Amino acid sequence: MTTINKVWQRLRVEAGIPHVRLHDLRHQCASALVNSGRTLYEFQAVLGHSDATVTQRYAHLSTRTLQDAANSASDAMRGKLAP
């Protein structure tokens, strides 16, 4: 773990993102997966979690994703979606 942290520290400074942690990238990956429509089960497997409760802490839905979900419910109530 020491070697990867030293390499990561060097790379993030070179990339101009000195405060980004490896753990931050894990959260970003989970958020990208859930916002692209992947299921909790799918990204739980990608992240290697055995408990879905842990995975849910990583999943941050974007405002757009939440708005789309609300719109699909209202569309369904108006009969716009195929049964």
Protein backbone atom coordinates (compact mmCIF):
# COMPACT_ATOMS: atom_id res chain seq x y z
CA MET A 1 0.00 0.00 0.00
CA THR A 2 2.94 2.33 0.63
CA THR A 3 4.15 2.06 -2.97
CA ILE A 4 0.76 2.82 -4.49
CA ASN A 5 0.27 5.81 -2.21
CA LYS A 6 3.65 7.25 -3.20
CA VAL A 7 2.85 6.80 -6.89
CA TRP A 8 -0.65 8.22 -6.43
CA GLN A 9 0.72 11.26 -4.61
CA ARG A 10 3.14 11.97 -7.46
CA LEU A 11 0.48 11.45 -10.17
CA ARG A 12 -2.15 13.66 -8.57
CA VAL A 13 0.33 16.50 -8.08
CA GLU A 14 1.40 16.19 -11.73
CA ALA A 15 -2.27 16.16 -12.79
CA GLY A 16 -3.04 19.27 -10.72
CA ILE A 17 -5.44 17.47 -8.37
CA PRO A 18 -3.36 17.27 -5.17
CA HIS A 19 -6.33 16.79 -2.83
CA VAL A 20 -8.04 13.89 -4.65
CA ARG A 21 -7.76 10.61 -2.78
CA LEU A 22 -8.01 7.11 -4.27
CA HIS A 23 -11.13 6.67 -2.16
CA ASP A 24 -12.66 9.72 -3.87
CA LEU A 25 -12.27 7.94 -7.21
CA ARG A 26 -14.16 4.94 -5.80
CA HIS A 27 -17.08 7.19 -4.85
CA GLN A 28 -16.99 8.83 -8.29
CA CYS A 29 -17.07 5.44 -9.99
CA ALA A 30 -20.06 4.32 -7.92
CA SER A 31 -21.93 7.55 -8.63
CA ALA A 32 -21.22 7.25 -12.36
CA LEU A 33 -22.49 3.67 -12.36
CA VAL A 34 -25.76 4.47 -10.58
CA ASN A 35 -26.36 7.62 -12.64
CA SER A 36 -25.87 5.67 -15.85
CA GLY A 37 -28.72 3.36 -14.86
CA ARG A 38 -26.76 0.42 -13.45
CA THR A 39 -28.46 -1.43 -10.64
CA LEU A 40 -27.34 -1.44 -7.02
CA TYR A 41 -26.51 -5.12 -7.42
CA GLU A 42 -24.28 -4.42 -10.43
CA PHE A 43 -22.16 -1.76 -8.85
CA GLN A 44 -22.08 -3.64 -5.56
CA ALA A 45 -20.34 -6.40 -7.51
CA VAL A 46 -18.01 -3.92 -9.27
CA LEU A 47 -16.96 -2.38 -5.96
CA GLY A 48 -16.62 -5.78 -4.30
CA HIS A 49 -19.01 -5.11 -1.42
CA SER A 50 -20.67 -8.04 0.32
CA ASP A 51 -23.31 -5.80 1.94
CA ALA A 52 -25.62 -3.55 -0.09
CA THR A 53 -25.84 -1.09 2.80
CA VAL A 54 -22.18 -0.21 2.30
CA THR A 55 -22.72 0.20 -1.44
CA GLN A 56 -25.63 2.59 -0.89
CA ARG A 57 -23.29 5.00 0.90
CA TYR A 58 -21.28 5.26 -2.30
CA ALA A 59 -24.21 5.91 -4.62
CA HIS A 60 -24.97 9.58 -5.12
CA LEU A 61 -27.74 10.24 -7.59
CA SER A 62 -27.44 13.38 -9.67
CA THR A 63 -30.23 15.92 -9.71
CA ARG A 64 -30.82 15.03 -13.37
CA THR A 65 -31.20 11.32 -12.56
CA LEU A 66 -33.69 12.08 -9.79
CA GLN A 67 -35.64 14.43 -12.08
CA ASP A 68 -35.77 11.78 -14.81
CA ALA A 69 -37.08 9.24 -12.28
CA ALA A 70 -39.82 11.63 -11.13
CA ASN A 71 -40.73 12.43 -14.75
CA SER A 72 -41.01 8.75 -15.66
CA ALA A 73 -43.47 8.24 -12.81
CA SER A 74 -45.58 11.16 -13.94
CA ASP A 75 -45.41 9.96 -17.57
CA ALA A 76 -46.61 6.52 -16.47
CA MET A 77 -49.52 8.05 -14.60
CA ARG A 78 -50.50 9.93 -17.74
CA GLY A 79 -50.31 6.74 -19.78
CA LYS A 80 -47.29 7.73 -21.89
CA LEU A 81 -45.31 4.59 -21.19
CA ALA A 82 -46.11 1.24 -22.76
CA PRO A 83 -47.54 -1.23 -20.26
